[in-house]
Each structure stands twice: as C-alpha cells, then as structure tokens.
C-alpha cells in the first residue's frame, strides 16, 4: 500500500497516545541526561531537532512564499518524527517498568503465549 506524505502526516498527528506521552518524553530525556536510561544520542536528538524545525519560523519552503506547499515540508518532518519518538518512549516505558519491578525483587522474564 502506498502512502502519500499528507496521509502519513495525518496519521502521525492523530496518533492517540502522543499527547498522553508528553510527560513521559520529558521523563525519558531527564533519565537519559542523568545517565540512567541507556539510549543512543541520535535516537533522541533527531526527533527533537525535527520538532524544533516544525516550531521554528525558518523553513526550507516558506509558508509565506508558497502557502500550500510550504506546509508540506513541516508535515513530512512531523510524519517522520512522531512515530520515531513514540517508539522511543514505548521502549523507555518498558525499561522503566523493568527497573521498577527488578528493584522490588520481582523477576521479569520474557514470555510468549502458546495456543
């Protein structure tokens, strides 16, 4: 199935868990900066740079010059950034839960459901 950039951007913006995970993003960055959460720098820096690009008034294709096309570069960046950020936050939440349960003396193991 082929997706257009506009459809990808719509899916990224309408991601149901993104708004709820904003506090988790800040907690993840704080844990990473303190050295607790092991994560590649590139996995957090690229999504944050993408968000800064969207917020910033400087664009490759300015909205003032070309109104409709000017927004498309922001939407393209958004469609790439949000899924990557959500994936990283999900990894962080899993890591955080493992840390919580291992500190309590509970052993966490990988399992699979067999029917």
C-alpha atoms as a PDB file:
ATOM      1  CA  UNK A   1       0.000   0.000   0.000  1.00  0.00           C
ATOM      2  CA  UNK A   2       1.405   3.391  -0.970  1.00  0.00           C
ATOM      3  CA  UNK A   3       1.007   6.360   1.346  1.00  0.00           C
ATOM      4  CA  UNK A   4       1.266   9.996   0.460  1.00  0.00           C
ATOM      5  CA  UNK A   5       3.090  12.406   2.755  1.00  0.00           C
ATOM      6  CA  UNK A   6      -0.197  14.049   3.653  1.00  0.00           C
ATOM      7  CA  UNK A   7      -1.743  10.746   4.765  1.00  0.00           C
ATOM      8  CA  UNK A   8       1.357   9.912   6.795  1.00  0.00           C
ATOM      9  CA  UNK A   9       1.225  13.314   8.463  1.00  0.00           C
ATOM     10  CA  UNK A  10      -2.470  12.894   9.291  1.00  0.00           C
ATOM     11  CA  UNK A  11      -1.728   9.527  10.895  1.00  0.00           C
ATOM     12  CA  UNK A  12       1.197  10.967  12.854  1.00  0.00           C
ATOM     13  CA  UNK A  13      -0.814  13.928  14.128  1.00  0.00           C
ATOM     14  CA  UNK A  14      -3.795  11.801  15.074  1.00  0.00           C
ATOM     15  CA  UNK A  15      -1.672   9.280  16.981  1.00  0.00           C
ATOM     16  CA  UNK A  16      -3.837   8.649  20.020  1.00  0.00           C
ATOM     17  CA  UNK A  17      -1.057   8.214  22.541  1.00  0.00           C
ATOM     18  CA  UNK A  18       1.181  11.142  21.648  1.00  0.00           C
ATOM     19  CA  UNK A  19      -0.407  13.815  23.839  1.00  0.00           C
ATOM     20  CA  UNK A  20      -0.605  11.438  26.808  1.00  0.00           C
ATOM     21  CA  UNK A  21       3.074  10.557  26.394  1.00  0.00           C
ATOM     22  CA  UNK A  22       4.415  14.120  26.512  1.00  0.00           C
ATOM     23  CA  UNK A  23       5.244  13.860  30.261  1.00  0.00           C
ATOM     24  CA  UNK A  24       6.926  10.507  29.541  1.00  0.00           C
ATOM     25  CA  UNK A  25       9.077  12.180  26.872  1.00  0.00           C
ATOM     26  CA  UNK A  26      10.362  14.710  29.407  1.00  0.00           C
ATOM     27  CA  UNK A  27      10.976  11.935  31.968  1.00  0.00           C
ATOM     28  CA  UNK A  28      12.841   9.894  29.340  1.00  0.00           C
ATOM     29  CA  UNK A  29      15.086  12.829  28.417  1.00  0.00           C
ATOM     30  CA  UNK A  30      15.772  13.537  32.081  1.00  0.00           C
ATOM     31  CA  UNK A  31      16.738   9.883  32.743  1.00  0.00           C
ATOM     32  CA  UNK A  32      18.912   9.831  29.618  1.00  0.00           C
ATOM     33  CA  UNK A  33      20.708  13.059  30.580  1.00  0.00           C
ATOM     34  CA  UNK A  34      21.416  11.707  34.073  1.00  0.00           C
ATOM     35  CA  UNK A  35      22.860   8.544  32.532  1.00  0.00           C
ATOM     36  CA  UNK A  36      20.240   6.150  33.910  1.00  0.00           C
ATOM     37  CA  UNK A  37      18.461   5.262  30.671  1.00  0.00           C
ATOM     38  CA  UNK A  38      20.730   3.737  28.013  1.00  0.00           C
ATOM     39  CA  UNK A  39      19.840   5.208  24.649  1.00  0.00           C
ATOM     40  CA  UNK A  40      21.743   6.235  21.541  1.00  0.00           C
ATOM     41  CA  UNK A  41      22.031  10.003  21.347  1.00  0.00           C
ATOM     42  CA  UNK A  42      20.857  10.007  17.736  1.00  0.00           C
ATOM     43  CA  UNK A  43      17.562   8.311  18.722  1.00  0.00           C
ATOM     44  CA  UNK A  44      16.511  11.331  20.769  1.00  0.00           C
ATOM     45  CA  UNK A  45      18.363  14.176  19.068  1.00  0.00           C
ATOM     46  CA  UNK A  46      16.856  13.618  15.594  1.00  0.00           C
ATOM     47  CA  UNK A  47      13.213  13.654  16.764  1.00  0.00           C
ATOM     48  CA  UNK A  48      13.878  16.712  18.926  1.00  0.00           C
ATOM     49  CA  UNK A  49      15.541  18.511  16.009  1.00  0.00           C
ATOM     50  CA  UNK A  50      12.518  17.635  13.873  1.00  0.00           C
ATOM     51  CA  UNK A  51      10.160  19.123  16.433  1.00  0.00           C
ATOM     52  CA  UNK A  52      12.322  22.253  16.656  1.00  0.00           C
ATOM     53  CA  UNK A  53      12.228  22.535  12.854  1.00  0.00           C
ATOM     54  CA  UNK A  54       8.423  22.403  12.893  1.00  0.00           C
ATOM     55  CA  UNK A  55       8.193  25.027  15.636  1.00  0.00           C
ATOM     56  CA  UNK A  56      10.797  27.342  14.124  1.00  0.00           C
ATOM     57  CA  UNK A  57       9.724  30.061  11.689  1.00  0.00           C
ATOM     58  CA  UNK A  58      12.628  29.171   9.346  1.00  0.00           C
ATOM     59  CA  UNK A  59      11.629  26.613   6.698  1.00  0.00           C
ATOM     60  CA  UNK A  60      13.075  25.131   3.533  1.00  0.00           C
ATOM     61  CA  UNK A  61       9.865  26.066   1.750  1.00  0.00           C
ATOM     62  CA  UNK A  62       8.361  29.153   3.457  1.00  0.00           C
ATOM     63  CA  UNK A  63       4.601  29.185   4.007  1.00  0.00           C
ATOM     64  CA  UNK A  64       4.505  32.854   3.020  1.00  0.00           C
ATOM     65  CA  UNK A  65       6.019  32.248  -0.436  1.00  0.00           C
ATOM     66  CA  UNK A  66       4.082  29.105  -1.336  1.00  0.00           C
ATOM     67  CA  UNK A  67       1.128  28.684   1.067  1.00  0.00           C
ATOM     68  CA  UNK A  68       0.052  25.085   0.415  1.00  0.00           C
ATOM     69  CA  UNK A  69       3.413  23.559  -0.438  1.00  0.00           C
ATOM     70  CA  UNK A  70       5.103  25.430   2.407  1.00  0.00           C
ATOM     71  CA  UNK A  71       3.193  23.414   4.975  1.00  0.00           C
ATOM     72  CA  UNK A  72       4.022  20.090   3.320  1.00  0.00           C
ATOM     73  CA  UNK A  73       7.666  20.104   4.436  1.00  0.00           C
ATOM     74  CA  UNK A  74       6.525  20.585   8.037  1.00  0.00           C
ATOM     75  CA  UNK A  75       4.024  17.755   7.664  1.00  0.00           C
ATOM     76  CA  UNK A  76       6.657  15.473   6.147  1.00  0.00           C
ATOM     77  CA  UNK A  77       9.031  16.115   9.034  1.00  0.00           C
ATOM     78  CA  UNK A  78       6.184  15.629  11.510  1.00  0.00           C
ATOM     79  CA  UNK A  79       5.209  12.314   9.931  1.00  0.00           C
ATOM     80  CA  UNK A  80       8.765  11.058  10.405  1.00  0.00           C
ATOM     81  CA  UNK A  81       9.385  12.479  13.867  1.00  0.00           C
ATOM     82  CA  UNK A  82       6.311  11.493  15.876  1.00  0.00           C
ATOM     83  CA  UNK A  83       6.368   7.728  15.154  1.00  0.00           C
ATOM     84  CA  UNK A  84      10.107   7.607  15.965  1.00  0.00           C
ATOM     85  CA  UNK A  85       9.553   9.500  19.208  1.00  0.00           C
ATOM     86  CA  UNK A  86       6.594   7.309  20.205  1.00  0.00           C
ATOM     87  CA  UNK A  87       8.685   4.178  19.544  1.00  0.00           C
ATOM     88  CA  UNK A  88      11.483   5.505  21.774  1.00  0.00           C
ATOM     89  CA  UNK A  89       9.048   6.452  24.548  1.00  0.00           C
ATOM     90  CA  UNK A  90       7.498   2.962  24.414  1.00  0.00           C
ATOM     91  CA  UNK A  91      10.978   1.452  24.837  1.00  0.00           C
ATOM     92  CA  UNK A  92      11.596   3.801  27.760  1.00  0.00           C
ATOM     93  CA  UNK A  93       8.325   2.874  29.462  1.00  0.00           C
ATOM     94  CA  UNK A  94       9.184  -0.819  29.134  1.00  0.00           C
ATOM     95  CA  UNK A  95      12.664  -0.175  30.559  1.00  0.00           C
ATOM     96  CA  UNK A  96      11.170   1.882  33.381  1.00  0.00           C
ATOM     97  CA  UNK A  97       8.716  -0.888  34.299  1.00  0.00           C
ATOM     98  CA  UNK A  98      11.523  -3.456  34.284  1.00  0.00           C
ATOM     99  CA  UNK A  99      13.585  -1.219  36.589  1.00  0.00           C
ATOM    100  CA  UNK A 100      10.640  -0.774  38.940  1.00  0.00           C
ATOM    101  CA  UNK A 101       9.918  -4.472  39.227  1.00  0.00           C
ATOM    102  CA  UNK A 102      13.558  -5.541  39.469  1.00  0.00           C
ATOM    103  CA  UNK A 103      14.083  -3.044  42.324  1.00  0.00           C
ATOM    104  CA  UNK A 104      11.145  -4.612  44.154  1.00  0.00           C
ATOM    105  CA  UNK A 105      12.773  -8.046  43.947  1.00  0.00           C
ATOM    106  CA  UNK A 106      10.379  -9.323  41.294  1.00  0.00           C
ATOM    107  CA  UNK A 107      11.974 -11.211  38.430  1.00  0.00           C
ATOM    108  CA  UNK A 108      10.880 -10.097  34.953  1.00  0.00           C
ATOM    109  CA  UNK A 109      11.192 -12.664  32.158  1.00  0.00           C
ATOM    110  CA  UNK A 110      10.226 -12.741  28.508  1.00  0.00           C
ATOM    111  CA  UNK A 111       7.288 -14.997  27.729  1.00  0.00           C
ATOM    112  CA  UNK A 112       5.092 -15.882  24.825  1.00  0.00           C
ATOM    113  CA  UNK A 113       1.510 -17.066  24.635  1.00  0.00           C
ATOM    114  CA  UNK A 114       1.060 -20.504  23.108  1.00  0.00           C
ATOM    115  CA  UNK A 115      -2.385 -21.655  21.999  1.00  0.00           C
END
